[in-house]
Amino acid sequence: MQRPSKIWRQRLRWLGFGTFGWLLFLALSV
């Protein structure tokens, strides 16, 4: 079995990219 930390790290990375994308989208839409 893989360590859960690896999965959480991947999820956190995706979450970070998501929030960054949203901020970029909001900045461009204004």
N, C-alpha and C. Protein backbone atom coordinates (compact mmCIF):
# COMPACT_ATOMS: atom_id res chain seq x y z
N MET A 1 0.84 -1.22 0.00
CA MET A 1 0.00 0.00 0.00
C MET A 1 0.87 1.26 0.00
N GLN A 2 0.41 2.27 -0.72
CA GLN A 2 1.18 3.51 -0.76
C GLN A 2 0.88 4.37 0.47
N ARG A 3 1.80 5.22 0.79
CA ARG A 3 1.58 6.11 1.94
C ARG A 3 0.55 7.18 1.56
N PRO A 4 -0.36 7.49 2.46
CA PRO A 4 -1.40 8.50 2.19
C PRO A 4 -0.81 9.89 1.99
N SER A 5 0.37 10.13 2.55
CA SER A 5 0.98 11.46 2.43
C SER A 5 1.22 11.82 0.95
N LYS A 6 1.57 10.80 0.16
CA LYS A 6 1.82 11.05 -1.26
C LYS A 6 0.54 11.53 -1.94
N ILE A 7 -0.57 10.87 -1.64
CA ILE A 7 -1.85 11.25 -2.24
C ILE A 7 -2.26 12.65 -1.78
N TRP A 8 -2.08 12.90 -0.49
CA TRP A 8 -2.46 14.21 0.04
C TRP A 8 -1.62 15.32 -0.58
N ARG A 9 -0.34 15.00 -0.82
CA ARG A 9 0.53 16.01 -1.42
C ARG A 9 0.04 16.35 -2.83
N GLN A 10 -0.37 15.29 -3.55
CA GLN A 10 -0.87 15.50 -4.91
C GLN A 10 -2.16 16.32 -4.87
N ARG A 11 -3.04 15.98 -3.92
CA ARG A 11 -4.31 16.72 -3.82
C ARG A 11 -4.05 18.18 -3.46
N LEU A 12 -3.11 18.41 -2.55
CA LEU A 12 -2.80 19.77 -2.15
C LEU A 12 -2.25 20.56 -3.34
N ARG A 13 -1.45 19.87 -4.15
CA ARG A 13 -0.89 20.55 -5.32
C ARG A 13 -2.00 20.95 -6.28
N TRP A 14 -2.96 20.03 -6.49
CA TRP A 14 -4.09 20.33 -7.39
C TRP A 14 -4.91 21.48 -6.83
N LEU A 15 -5.09 21.46 -5.49
CA LEU A 15 -5.87 22.53 -4.84
C LEU A 15 -5.18 23.87 -5.03
N GLY A 16 -3.86 23.88 -4.88
CA GLY A 16 -3.10 25.12 -5.05
C GLY A 16 -3.24 25.65 -6.47
N PHE A 17 -3.12 24.75 -7.46
CA PHE A 17 -3.27 25.18 -8.86
C PHE A 17 -4.67 25.69 -9.11
N GLY A 18 -5.66 25.07 -8.48
CA GLY A 18 -7.05 25.49 -8.68
C GLY A 18 -7.28 26.90 -8.17
N THR A 19 -6.80 27.18 -6.96
CA THR A 19 -6.99 28.51 -6.40
C THR A 19 -6.23 29.56 -7.21
N PHE A 20 -5.03 29.21 -7.67
CA PHE A 20 -4.23 30.14 -8.48
C PHE A 20 -4.95 30.44 -9.79
N GLY A 21 -5.53 29.38 -10.39
CA GLY A 21 -6.26 29.55 -11.63
C GLY A 21 -7.47 30.46 -11.43
N TRP A 22 -8.16 30.27 -10.31
CA TRP A 22 -9.35 31.09 -10.03
C TRP A 22 -8.96 32.56 -9.86
N LEU A 23 -7.85 32.80 -9.14
CA LEU A 23 -7.39 34.18 -8.94
C LEU A 23 -7.03 34.81 -10.28
N LEU A 24 -6.37 34.04 -11.14
CA LEU A 24 -5.99 34.54 -12.46
C LEU A 24 -7.24 34.86 -13.27
N PHE A 25 -8.24 33.96 -13.21
CA PHE A 25 -9.47 34.15 -13.95
C PHE A 25 -10.21 35.40 -13.48
N LEU A 26 -10.26 35.58 -12.16
CA LEU A 26 -10.94 36.76 -11.62
C LEU A 26 -10.21 38.04 -12.02
N ALA A 27 -8.89 38.00 -11.99
CA ALA A 27 -8.10 39.19 -12.33
C ALA A 27 -8.31 39.55 -13.81
N LEU A 28 -8.42 38.55 -14.66
CA LEU A 28 -8.60 38.80 -16.09
C LEU A 28 -10.02 39.24 -16.41
N SER A 29 -10.99 38.73 -15.65
CA SER A 29 -12.39 39.04 -15.94
C SER A 29 -12.75 40.46 -15.50
N VAL A 30 -12.02 40.99 -14.54
CA VAL A 30 -12.34 42.35 -14.05
C VAL A 30 -11.94 43.38 -15.09
